[in-house]
Protein backbone atom coordinates (compact mmCIF):
# COMPACT_ATOMS: atom_id res chain seq x y z
CA MET A 1 33.00 92.31 104.96
CA SER A 2 34.38 94.36 102.11
CA GLU A 3 38.03 95.28 101.69
CA LYS A 4 37.21 98.97 102.35
CA ARG A 5 35.67 98.15 105.73
CA ASP A 6 38.73 96.10 106.64
CA LEU A 7 40.85 99.27 106.49
CA TRP A 8 39.19 100.97 109.46
CA VAL A 9 41.87 99.89 111.99
CA SER A 10 44.65 101.30 109.78
CA LEU A 11 42.70 104.53 109.25
CA LEU A 12 42.11 105.02 112.98
CA LEU A 13 45.79 104.45 113.78
CA THR A 14 46.79 106.96 111.11
CA LEU A 15 44.30 109.49 112.53
CA ALA A 16 45.69 108.91 116.03
CA GLY A 17 49.21 109.57 114.73
CA VAL A 18 48.12 112.82 113.08
CA CYS A 19 46.39 113.99 116.30
CA LEU A 20 49.45 113.20 118.41
CA PHE A 21 51.68 115.04 115.96
CA VAL A 22 49.46 118.15 116.14
CA LEU A 23 49.18 118.04 119.95
CA ASN A 24 52.91 117.58 120.48
CA THR A 25 53.82 120.25 117.96
CA SER A 26 51.44 122.69 119.68
CA ALA A 27 53.10 121.89 123.01
CA GLY A 28 56.58 122.44 121.56
CA ARG A 29 57.45 118.72 121.46
CA THR A 30 57.91 118.34 117.72
CA GLY A 31 60.37 115.45 118.05
CA LEU A 32 57.93 113.35 120.09
CA GLY A 33 55.18 114.24 117.64
CA ILE A 34 57.23 112.92 114.71
CA VAL A 35 58.04 109.71 116.62
CA ALA A 36 54.37 109.16 117.54
CA PHE A 37 53.19 109.77 113.97
CA SER A 38 55.87 107.44 112.53
CA LEU A 39 54.95 104.68 115.01
CA ALA A 40 51.23 105.03 114.21
CA LEU A 41 51.88 105.02 110.46
CA LEU A 42 54.13 101.96 110.75
CA GLY A 43 51.40 100.15 112.70
CA ALA A 44 48.75 101.15 110.16
CA VAL A 45 50.80 99.61 107.35
CA ALA A 46 51.52 96.48 109.44
CA CYS A 47 47.79 95.94 109.92
CA LEU A 48 47.30 95.13 106.25
CA PRO A 49 49.27 91.83 106.13
CA ILE A 50 48.05 90.95 109.64
CA ARG A 51 44.45 91.20 108.39
CA VAL A 52 45.21 88.94 105.43
CA LYS A 53 47.25 86.28 107.27
CA LEU A 54 45.81 86.23 110.80
CA GLY A 55 42.26 87.51 110.40
CA GLN A 56 40.22 90.52 111.45
CA ALA A 57 40.19 89.70 115.20
CA ARG A 58 44.00 89.65 115.39
CA ASN A 59 44.13 92.85 113.38
CA VAL A 60 41.85 94.63 115.89
CA SER A 61 43.89 93.26 118.80
CA PHE A 62 47.09 94.61 117.22
CA GLY A 63 45.45 98.01 116.69
CA ILE A 64 44.34 98.27 120.34
CA GLY A 65 47.79 97.31 121.58
CA LEU A 66 49.50 99.92 119.43
CA ALA A 67 46.98 102.57 120.45
CA LEU A 68 47.74 101.89 124.13
CA CYS A 69 51.46 102.20 123.42
CA LEU A 70 50.81 105.61 121.79
CA VAL A 71 48.97 107.01 124.83
CA PRO A 72 52.15 108.18 126.69
CA PHE A 73 52.97 110.44 123.73
CA ALA A 74 49.92 112.61 124.46
CA PRO A 75 50.84 115.89 126.24
CA GLY A 76 49.79 115.87 129.89
CA VAL A 77 50.09 112.12 130.39
CA GLY A 78 53.65 112.48 131.63
CA THR A 79 56.89 110.87 130.66
CA SER A 80 58.05 109.19 133.89
CA LEU A 81 58.68 105.46 133.82
CA VAL A 82 55.95 104.76 136.38
CA THR A 83 53.43 106.63 134.20
CA VAL A 84 54.47 105.18 130.85
CA LEU A 85 55.14 101.57 131.84
CA PRO A 86 51.51 100.58 132.60
CA TRP A 87 50.39 101.68 129.13
CA VAL A 88 53.23 99.80 127.46
CA VAL A 89 52.47 96.64 129.47
CA ALA A 90 48.77 96.88 128.59
CA GLY A 91 49.69 97.35 124.95
CA LEU A 92 51.90 94.25 124.99
CA ALA A 93 48.93 92.22 126.21
CA PHE A 94 47.43 92.77 122.76
CA LEU A 95 50.59 92.94 120.66
CA VAL A 96 52.25 89.74 121.90
CA PRO A 97 49.65 87.06 122.71
CA LEU A 98 50.86 83.82 124.19
CA PRO A 99 50.32 80.55 122.31
CA THR A 100 47.77 78.04 123.49
CA LEU A 101 48.52 77.10 127.10
CA PRO A 102 47.51 74.06 129.18
CA GLU A 103 44.79 74.53 131.79
CA ARG A 104 47.23 74.55 134.73
CA ALA A 105 49.32 77.38 133.24
CA ARG A 106 46.18 79.43 132.65
CA VAL A 107 45.20 78.96 136.32
CA PHE A 108 48.59 80.35 137.45
CA LEU A 109 48.20 83.34 135.12
CA LEU A 110 44.73 84.05 136.49
CA ALA A 111 46.10 83.85 140.06
CA GLY A 112 48.81 86.34 139.09
CA ALA A 113 46.23 88.68 137.57
CA LEU A 114 44.15 88.53 140.78
CA LEU A 115 47.21 89.25 142.95
CA LEU A 116 48.17 92.28 140.83
CA ALA A 117 44.60 93.55 140.96
CA LEU A 118 44.62 93.33 144.78
CA LEU A 119 47.97 95.17 144.91
CA GLY A 120 46.50 97.87 142.66
CA LEU A 121 43.55 98.22 145.01
CA LEU A 122 45.90 98.55 148.02
CA ALA A 123 47.92 101.21 146.18
CA LEU A 124 44.69 103.08 145.40
CA LEU A 125 43.61 102.95 149.08
CA GLY A 126 46.97 104.08 150.44
CA PRO A 127 49.01 101.24 152.03
CA LEU A 128 51.19 101.12 148.90
CA PRO A 129 52.55 104.07 146.86
CA THR A 130 49.73 105.56 144.77
CA SER A 131 52.07 105.94 141.80
CA LEU A 132 52.13 102.13 141.45
CA THR A 133 48.34 101.82 141.11
CA TRP A 134 48.20 101.84 137.31
CA LEU A 135 51.27 99.65 137.02
CA PHE A 136 49.59 96.90 139.09
CA LEU A 137 46.26 97.27 137.29
CA ALA A 138 47.90 97.22 133.87
CA GLY A 139 49.80 94.06 134.80
CA ALA A 140 46.58 92.43 135.96
CA PHE A 141 44.90 93.45 132.71
CA HIS A 142 47.84 92.08 130.75
CA LEU A 143 47.69 88.65 132.38
CA ALA A 144 43.91 88.45 132.10
CA VAL A 145 44.03 89.16 128.36
CA GLN A 146 46.81 86.60 127.92
CA VAL A 147 44.67 83.94 129.60
CA LEU A 148 41.78 84.83 127.31
CA GLN A 149 43.89 84.65 124.15
CA ALA A 150 45.82 81.54 125.22
CA ARG A 151 42.74 79.38 125.78
CA GLU A 152 42.36 76.34 123.61
CA ARG A 153 40.11 77.02 120.64
CA LYS A 154 38.32 74.22 118.88
CA GLU A 155 38.09 74.58 115.15
CA PRO A 156 34.45 74.95 114.17
CA GLU A 157 33.21 71.89 112.39
CA ALA A 158 31.92 72.46 108.91
CA PRO A 159 28.20 71.71 108.69
CA PRO A 160 27.39 68.49 106.87
CA GLY A 161 27.29 69.29 103.18
CA PRO A 162 25.70 67.47 100.26
CA ARG A 163 26.67 63.93 99.34
CA VAL A 164 28.26 64.26 95.92
CA CYS A 165 28.78 61.05 93.96
CA VAL A 166 31.46 60.95 91.25
CA MET A 167 30.92 58.48 88.41
CA GLY A 168 33.87 58.26 86.05
CA GLY A 169 34.47 56.09 83.03
CA SER A 170 35.22 56.02 79.33
CA PHE A 171 31.51 55.72 78.41
CA ASP A 172 32.44 54.41 74.97
CA PRO A 173 29.46 54.30 74.50
CA PHE A 174 27.18 55.26 77.42
CA HIS A 175 24.74 52.34 77.77
CA VAL A 176 21.67 51.34 79.78
CA GLY A 177 23.88 49.77 82.44
CA HIS A 178 25.52 53.15 83.04
CA ARG A 179 22.09 54.77 83.28
CA ALA A 180 20.85 52.16 85.77
CA LEU A 181 24.02 52.72 87.80
CA ALA A 182 23.44 56.48 87.81
CA ALA A 183 19.81 56.10 88.85
CA ALA A 184 20.80 53.78 91.72
CA ALA A 185 23.56 56.14 92.89
CA LEU A 186 21.09 59.03 93.08
CA ARG A 187 19.19 57.11 95.76
CA GLN A 188 22.25 57.38 98.01
CA ALA A 189 23.58 60.81 96.96
CA ASP A 190 22.27 64.34 96.67
CA ARG A 191 24.07 64.97 93.41
CA LEU A 192 25.79 62.89 90.75
CA LEU A 193 28.73 64.07 88.66
CA VAL A 194 29.35 62.04 85.51
CA VAL A 195 32.98 62.51 84.43
CA PRO A 196 33.95 61.03 81.04
CA ALA A 197 37.68 60.25 81.07
CA GLY A 198 40.04 61.86 78.60
CA GLN A 199 42.32 58.80 78.49
CA ALA A 200 41.67 56.10 81.08
CA PRO A 201 45.01 54.99 82.66
CA HIS A 202 44.00 51.31 82.75
CA LYS A 203 43.39 51.41 78.98
CA LEU A 204 46.73 52.88 77.98
CA GLY A 205 48.34 50.80 75.25
CA GLY A 206 44.97 49.56 74.00
CA PRO A 207 42.88 50.82 71.11
CA GLU A 208 42.33 54.55 70.95
CA PRO A 209 39.02 55.59 72.54
CA THR A 210 36.36 57.37 70.55
CA ASP A 211 36.90 61.13 70.37
CA PHE A 212 36.09 62.80 73.67
CA HIS A 213 33.37 65.09 72.33
CA HIS A 214 31.41 62.06 71.05
CA ARG A 215 31.64 60.26 74.40
CA LEU A 216 30.68 63.44 76.23
CA ALA A 217 27.64 63.92 73.98
CA MET A 218 26.52 60.29 74.43
CA ALA A 219 26.86 60.60 78.23
CA LYS A 220 24.62 63.68 78.21
CA LEU A 221 22.07 61.89 76.04
CA GLY A 222 22.26 58.77 78.20
CA VAL A 223 21.29 60.55 81.44
CA GLU A 224 18.44 62.61 79.96
CA GLY A 225 15.47 62.64 82.30
CA LEU A 226 17.43 61.82 85.47
CA PRO A 227 17.47 64.58 88.12
CA ARG A 228 20.43 66.13 89.98
CA ILE A 229 23.02 65.02 87.41
CA GLU A 230 25.78 67.03 85.78
CA VAL A 231 28.01 65.69 83.00
CA LEU A 232 31.44 67.35 83.21
CA GLN A 233 33.85 67.94 80.35
CA MET A 234 36.85 68.76 82.61
CA GLU A 235 38.87 65.68 81.56
CA GLY A 236 38.65 66.64 77.89
CA ARG A 237 40.74 69.74 78.60
CA ARG A 238 43.51 67.81 80.32
CA SER A 239 46.46 66.28 78.49
CA GLY A 240 47.67 62.84 79.46
CA PRO A 241 45.91 60.12 81.45
CA SER A 242 42.87 60.99 83.59
CA TYR A 243 43.86 60.00 87.13
CA THR A 244 41.02 59.82 89.67
CA VAL A 245 43.07 61.42 92.45
CA ASP A 246 43.61 64.54 90.31
CA THR A 247 39.96 64.71 89.30
CA LEU A 248 38.81 64.52 92.92
CA GLU A 249 41.27 67.24 93.95
CA VAL A 250 39.78 69.62 91.39
CA LEU A 251 36.21 68.75 92.32
CA ARG A 252 36.80 69.21 96.07
CA ARG A 253 38.04 72.75 95.45
CA SER A 254 34.80 73.46 93.59
CA TYR A 255 32.57 72.61 96.56
CA PRO A 256 32.27 74.29 99.99
CA PRO A 257 33.77 72.64 103.11
CA GLY A 258 31.55 69.89 104.43
CA ALA A 259 30.69 68.37 101.05
CA ARG A 260 31.02 64.58 101.26
CA PHE A 261 32.27 62.82 98.17
CA LEU A 262 31.43 59.29 97.10
CA LEU A 263 33.40 57.55 94.37
CA LEU A 264 31.30 55.09 92.40
CA VAL A 265 33.25 51.95 91.52
CA GLY A 266 32.22 48.52 90.29
CA ALA A 267 33.05 45.37 92.22
CA ASP A 268 35.58 44.47 89.49
CA MET A 269 37.29 47.87 89.90
CA LEU A 270 37.38 47.46 93.70
CA GLN A 271 39.71 44.47 93.45
CA ASP A 272 42.18 46.52 91.39
CA PHE A 273 41.78 49.66 93.49
CA PRO A 274 45.17 49.32 95.30
CA THR A 275 46.87 49.62 91.90
CA TRP A 276 45.39 53.07 91.28
CA ARG A 277 47.56 56.16 91.43
CA GLU A 278 47.77 57.48 95.03
CA TRP A 279 44.87 55.28 96.12
CA GLU A 280 45.56 56.06 99.79
CA ARG A 281 44.79 59.74 99.16
CA ILE A 282 41.57 58.77 97.40
CA LEU A 283 40.49 56.86 100.53
CA GLU A 284 41.19 59.95 102.65
CA GLN A 285 38.96 62.12 100.46
CA THR A 286 36.03 59.88 99.57
CA THR A 287 33.71 57.06 100.48
CA LEU A 288 33.80 54.18 98.00
CA LEU A 289 30.33 53.40 96.69
CA VAL A 290 30.67 49.85 95.39
CA ALA A 291 28.21 48.59 92.75
CA ARG A 292 27.72 44.86 92.40
CA ARG A 293 28.67 43.23 89.09
CA PRO A 294 27.86 39.70 87.93
CA GLY A 295 30.55 37.20 88.87
CA TRP A 296 32.58 39.58 91.06
CA ASP A 297 33.14 39.41 94.80
CA VAL A 298 32.36 42.62 96.71
CA GLU A 299 34.81 41.83 99.51
CA PRO A 300 37.46 44.61 99.74
CA PRO A 301 41.03 43.63 98.82
CA PRO A 302 43.40 42.91 101.74
CA GLU A 303 45.37 46.14 101.12
CA LEU A 304 42.40 48.15 102.45
CA GLU A 305 42.56 46.54 105.90
CA GLY A 306 43.61 49.00 108.60
CA ARG A 307 43.20 51.98 106.25
CA ASN A 308 39.91 53.19 107.77
CA ALA A 309 38.41 52.81 104.32
CA VAL A 310 34.72 53.68 104.22
CA LEU A 311 32.73 51.51 101.82
CA GLU A 312 29.04 51.60 100.96
CA MET A 313 27.28 48.97 98.92
CA LEU A 314 25.06 49.99 96.01
CA ASP A 315 22.13 47.64 95.52
CA MET A 316 20.85 47.54 91.98
CA PRO A 317 19.58 44.97 89.46
CA GLU A 318 22.50 43.16 87.87
CA ARG A 319 22.73 43.65 84.09
CA ASP A 320 25.40 41.98 82.01
CA VAL A 321 26.08 44.74 79.49
CA SER A 322 29.39 46.27 78.52
CA SER A 323 30.68 48.98 76.19
CA THR A 324 33.11 46.50 74.60
CA GLY A 325 30.28 44.11 73.77
CA ILE A 326 28.20 46.93 72.30
CA ARG A 327 31.06 48.07 70.04
CA GLU A 328 31.60 44.52 68.82
CA ALA A 329 27.88 44.01 68.18
CA ILE A 330 27.62 47.23 66.18
CA SER A 331 30.69 46.40 64.08
CA GLU A 332 29.13 43.01 63.28
CA GLY A 333 25.81 44.58 62.33
CA ARG A 334 23.86 43.19 65.29
CA SER A 335 21.14 45.21 67.03
CA VAL A 336 21.97 47.02 70.30
CA SER A 337 18.62 48.74 70.76
CA ASP A 338 18.16 47.02 74.14
CA GLU A 339 21.59 48.09 75.39
CA VAL A 340 21.67 51.83 74.63
CA SER A 341 18.98 54.47 74.88
CA PRO A 342 17.17 55.52 71.69
CA SER A 343 18.87 58.94 71.76
CA VAL A 344 22.34 57.41 72.10
CA LEU A 345 21.55 54.90 69.34
CA ALA A 346 20.42 57.72 67.04
CA TYR A 347 23.62 59.67 67.82
CA LEU A 348 26.04 56.87 67.09
CA ARG A 349 24.19 56.04 63.85
CA GLU A 350 24.21 59.71 62.81
CA HIS A 351 27.98 59.92 63.31
CA GLY A 352 28.79 56.40 62.12
CA LEU A 353 30.47 55.42 65.39
CA TYR A 354 31.79 51.85 65.69
CA GLY A 355 30.71 51.23 62.10
CA ALA A 356 27.04 51.91 62.76
CA LYS A 357 24.75 52.55 59.83
């Protein structure tokens, strides 16, 4: 719904105020006309923040309540308390809704509404003063609306969204082990986000990583040909260490409600997971997708017990290849053609990375 369409309640209240002002002025009741117009205009302005904060349904309810409160200002309706009070009570049913009530309280309110409705019927038939008819009926209407608005509402569950796997790392360089990991993750996820780190926190104090734009380019070359993958450069724009909890927070805001996030971690990283920044929040937001690594136990660390941590195992062929080993091999002049893709190898040779020629 567009913003212009959302203004219809305010426009109708303003129109009602103008009509009441004209009718009262014509009947010689200018003072009441000014009061009615001022009340309608005030309500029209109040509808704007109500629409933004409480939603369209509450905005409409407020408009109906105010319109009912304006009815006694119309010439011919009368100004006696018995005449005016029912309209005011009916208006309050919309203006002041009760909070959520327990089932027993709602039953009592419904019983009260039924009793007032019966009294209104008796007043209409004659045993009770006819002047009380609308007062009883308005009270019944008021209680009935309160019961309706005070019922417990369950928040609609977001439909299951895509499984989005997040694969972070320095990728210095991106090697065939990373590619095999990405291909395996795609079998358990609908989409894979490869996120090269700006500065990995666990590598602070060590040697400076290769410039981000090189690592980003090698990651893009390394996943060529794999479907449903996006290589993100978001960490290159951020100053300071790249903390996973911050990355996930940004990514979650980029996807609709219902998207389920998986965080791809190696078995070696799983053992150190409780040392990560705000690791409890990470567990609340994601499922840990744990990839096996040679020589590492995939049992979760004891800190994860009782945390309702959700872990999934990633089955894939074990390959003993590492970025550190590749950098050392290149600096020593040894071949790494079996450990990086041809396009990545051509890139690092072209730019002379790690001493490649």
